[in-house]
């Protein structure tokens, strides 16, 4: 029959701790190969068409001082 309270395990060494931490990171990285990436976010709605003359006027007005 097993004892009710087994003896505590000996303390784990730093090397062993680093080994298991690296192993855990490797397993997580490996498991990520089987998880599909999340879907991309939806695209914003397209801009309404703008007339070329209005576009050029807005561009020039925003880049040059037309208050003279």
N, C-alpha and C. Protein backbone atom coordinates (compact mmCIF):
# COMPACT_ATOMS: atom_id res chain seq x y z
N UNK A 1 0.84 -1.18 0.00
CA UNK A 1 0.00 0.00 0.00
C UNK A 1 0.89 1.25 0.00
N UNK A 2 0.48 2.25 -0.79
CA UNK A 2 1.27 3.47 -0.90
C UNK A 2 1.10 4.32 0.35
N UNK A 3 2.16 5.01 0.75
CA UNK A 3 2.02 5.89 1.92
C UNK A 3 1.09 7.06 1.61
N UNK A 4 0.44 7.56 2.65
CA UNK A 4 -0.52 8.65 2.47
C UNK A 4 0.17 9.93 2.06
N UNK A 5 1.32 10.22 2.68
CA UNK A 5 2.09 11.41 2.35
C UNK A 5 3.49 10.96 1.93
N UNK A 6 3.75 10.86 0.60
CA UNK A 6 5.08 10.42 0.19
C UNK A 6 6.13 11.49 0.50
N UNK A 7 7.38 11.07 0.49
CA UNK A 7 8.47 12.00 0.78
C UNK A 7 8.53 13.06 -0.32
N UNK A 8 8.86 14.30 0.03
CA UNK A 8 8.94 15.34 -1.01
C UNK A 8 10.08 15.02 -1.98
N UNK A 9 9.89 15.45 -3.21
CA UNK A 9 10.91 15.22 -4.24
C UNK A 9 12.11 16.10 -3.96
N UNK A 10 13.30 15.65 -4.37
CA UNK A 10 14.48 16.50 -4.17
C UNK A 10 14.37 17.77 -5.01
N UNK A 11 15.02 18.83 -4.59
CA UNK A 11 14.92 20.08 -5.36
C UNK A 11 15.47 19.90 -6.78
N UNK A 12 14.87 20.61 -7.71
CA UNK A 12 15.26 20.49 -9.12
C UNK A 12 16.42 21.46 -9.37
N UNK A 13 17.38 21.01 -10.15
CA UNK A 13 18.55 21.86 -10.42
C UNK A 13 18.21 22.92 -11.46
N UNK A 14 19.07 23.93 -11.54
CA UNK A 14 18.84 25.00 -12.50
C UNK A 14 18.93 24.48 -13.93
N UNK A 15 19.90 23.59 -14.18
CA UNK A 15 20.04 23.03 -15.53
C UNK A 15 18.78 22.27 -15.93
N UNK A 16 18.26 21.49 -14.99
CA UNK A 16 17.05 20.72 -15.30
C UNK A 16 15.86 21.64 -15.53
N UNK A 17 15.81 22.68 -14.72
CA UNK A 17 14.72 23.66 -14.89
C UNK A 17 14.80 24.32 -16.26
N UNK A 18 16.00 24.72 -16.69
CA UNK A 18 16.17 25.33 -18.01
C UNK A 18 15.84 24.34 -19.11
N UNK A 19 16.22 23.08 -18.92
CA UNK A 19 15.93 22.07 -19.93
C UNK A 19 14.42 21.92 -20.12
N UNK A 20 13.69 21.81 -19.03
CA UNK A 20 12.24 21.62 -19.16
C UNK A 20 11.56 22.86 -19.70
N UNK A 21 12.07 24.05 -19.35
CA UNK A 21 11.50 25.29 -19.89
C UNK A 21 11.70 25.36 -21.40
N UNK A 22 12.93 25.00 -21.86
CA UNK A 22 13.19 25.00 -23.30
C UNK A 22 12.33 23.94 -23.99
N UNK A 23 12.17 22.79 -23.34
CA UNK A 23 11.35 21.73 -23.93
C UNK A 23 9.89 22.19 -24.06
N UNK A 24 9.38 22.86 -23.05
CA UNK A 24 8.00 23.37 -23.09
C UNK A 24 7.84 24.39 -24.21
N UNK A 25 8.81 25.30 -24.34
CA UNK A 25 8.72 26.29 -25.43
C UNK A 25 8.76 25.60 -26.79
N UNK A 26 9.60 24.58 -26.92
CA UNK A 26 9.69 23.85 -28.19
C UNK A 26 8.37 23.16 -28.50
N UNK A 27 7.76 22.54 -27.49
CA UNK A 27 6.48 21.84 -27.71
C UNK A 27 5.39 22.82 -28.12
N UNK A 28 5.36 23.98 -27.48
CA UNK A 28 4.34 24.98 -27.84
C UNK A 28 4.55 25.43 -29.28
N UNK A 29 5.83 25.67 -29.66
CA UNK A 29 6.13 26.08 -31.02
C UNK A 29 5.72 25.00 -32.01
N UNK A 30 5.96 23.74 -31.64
CA UNK A 30 5.63 22.61 -32.51
C UNK A 30 4.11 22.47 -32.65
N UNK A 31 3.40 22.65 -31.54
CA UNK A 31 1.94 22.51 -31.59
C UNK A 31 1.30 23.63 -32.41
N UNK A 32 1.95 24.79 -32.45
CA UNK A 32 1.39 25.91 -33.22
C UNK A 32 1.36 25.59 -34.71
N UNK A 33 2.17 24.60 -35.16
CA UNK A 33 2.14 24.22 -36.58
C UNK A 33 0.77 23.65 -36.96
N UNK A 34 0.06 23.09 -35.98
CA UNK A 34 -1.21 22.43 -36.27
C UNK A 34 -2.41 23.31 -35.98
N UNK A 35 -2.18 24.51 -35.47
CA UNK A 35 -3.29 25.43 -35.19
C UNK A 35 -3.38 26.40 -36.35
N UNK A 36 -4.49 26.44 -37.08
CA UNK A 36 -4.58 27.37 -38.21
C UNK A 36 -4.55 28.81 -37.72
N UNK A 37 -3.97 29.71 -38.50
CA UNK A 37 -3.93 31.11 -38.08
C UNK A 37 -5.33 31.72 -38.08
N UNK A 38 -5.53 32.77 -37.31
CA UNK A 38 -6.86 33.39 -37.30
C UNK A 38 -7.16 34.02 -38.65
N UNK A 39 -8.44 34.14 -38.98
CA UNK A 39 -8.77 34.75 -40.27
C UNK A 39 -8.36 36.22 -40.30
N UNK A 40 -8.04 36.74 -41.47
CA UNK A 40 -7.64 38.16 -41.54
C UNK A 40 -8.84 39.06 -41.24
N UNK A 41 -8.57 40.27 -40.76
CA UNK A 41 -9.68 41.17 -40.47
C UNK A 41 -10.39 41.58 -41.77
N UNK A 42 -11.67 41.90 -41.67
CA UNK A 42 -12.38 42.29 -42.90
C UNK A 42 -11.82 43.59 -43.48
N UNK A 43 -11.89 43.70 -44.78
CA UNK A 43 -11.39 44.89 -45.47
C UNK A 43 -12.36 46.06 -45.25
N UNK A 44 -11.84 47.27 -45.19
CA UNK A 44 -12.75 48.42 -45.05
C UNK A 44 -13.57 48.59 -46.33
N UNK A 45 -14.71 49.23 -46.23
CA UNK A 45 -15.51 49.41 -47.44
C UNK A 45 -14.77 50.30 -48.44
N UNK A 46 -14.97 50.08 -49.73
CA UNK A 46 -14.26 50.90 -50.72
C UNK A 46 -14.74 52.35 -50.69
N UNK A 47 -13.85 53.24 -51.07
CA UNK A 47 -14.21 54.65 -51.11
C UNK A 47 -15.14 54.90 -52.30
N UNK A 48 -16.05 55.84 -52.16
CA UNK A 48 -16.88 56.17 -53.31
C UNK A 48 -16.02 56.81 -54.41
N UNK A 49 -16.37 56.65 -55.65
CA UNK A 49 -15.55 57.24 -56.71
C UNK A 49 -15.55 58.77 -56.60
N UNK A 50 -14.40 59.37 -56.87
CA UNK A 50 -14.27 60.83 -56.79
C UNK A 50 -13.79 61.32 -58.15
N UNK A 51 -14.35 62.38 -58.59
CA UNK A 51 -14.01 62.92 -59.89
C UNK A 51 -12.56 63.42 -59.88
N UNK A 52 -11.84 63.24 -60.98
CA UNK A 52 -10.42 63.59 -61.05
C UNK A 52 -10.19 65.07 -60.78
N UNK A 53 -11.06 65.94 -61.29
CA UNK A 53 -10.86 67.38 -61.09
C UNK A 53 -10.99 67.73 -59.60
N UNK A 54 -11.96 67.11 -58.93
CA UNK A 54 -12.14 67.38 -57.51
C UNK A 54 -10.94 66.85 -56.74
N UNK A 55 -10.43 65.68 -57.12
CA UNK A 55 -9.27 65.11 -56.45
C UNK A 55 -8.05 66.02 -56.59
N UNK A 56 -7.81 66.53 -57.82
CA UNK A 56 -6.66 67.40 -58.05
C UNK A 56 -6.82 68.70 -57.28
N UNK A 57 -8.04 69.24 -57.28
CA UNK A 57 -8.28 70.48 -56.53
C UNK A 57 -8.01 70.26 -55.04
N UNK A 58 -8.52 69.18 -54.46
CA UNK A 58 -8.31 68.91 -53.03
C UNK A 58 -6.84 68.68 -52.73
N UNK A 59 -6.14 68.00 -53.63
CA UNK A 59 -4.72 67.73 -53.43
C UNK A 59 -3.92 69.03 -53.42
N UNK A 60 -4.19 69.89 -54.42
CA UNK A 60 -3.45 71.16 -54.49
C UNK A 60 -3.80 72.06 -53.31
N UNK A 61 -5.06 72.07 -52.92
CA UNK A 61 -5.48 72.92 -51.81
C UNK A 61 -4.84 72.47 -50.49
N UNK A 62 -4.64 71.17 -50.34
CA UNK A 62 -4.07 70.70 -49.09
C UNK A 62 -2.55 70.83 -49.05
N UNK A 63 -1.89 70.94 -50.21
CA UNK A 63 -0.43 71.00 -50.24
C UNK A 63 0.12 72.41 -50.49
N UNK A 64 -0.71 73.30 -50.98
CA UNK A 64 -0.24 74.65 -51.27
C UNK A 64 -1.18 75.66 -50.64
N UNK A 65 -0.62 76.79 -50.25
CA UNK A 65 -1.42 77.84 -49.64
C UNK A 65 -2.16 78.59 -50.76
N UNK A 66 -3.49 78.47 -50.79
CA UNK A 66 -4.29 79.11 -51.85
C UNK A 66 -5.05 80.32 -51.31
N UNK A 67 -4.64 80.84 -50.14
CA UNK A 67 -5.39 81.95 -49.57
C UNK A 67 -4.90 83.31 -50.06
N UNK A 68 -4.00 83.35 -51.04
CA UNK A 68 -3.46 84.63 -51.51
C UNK A 68 -4.43 85.37 -52.40
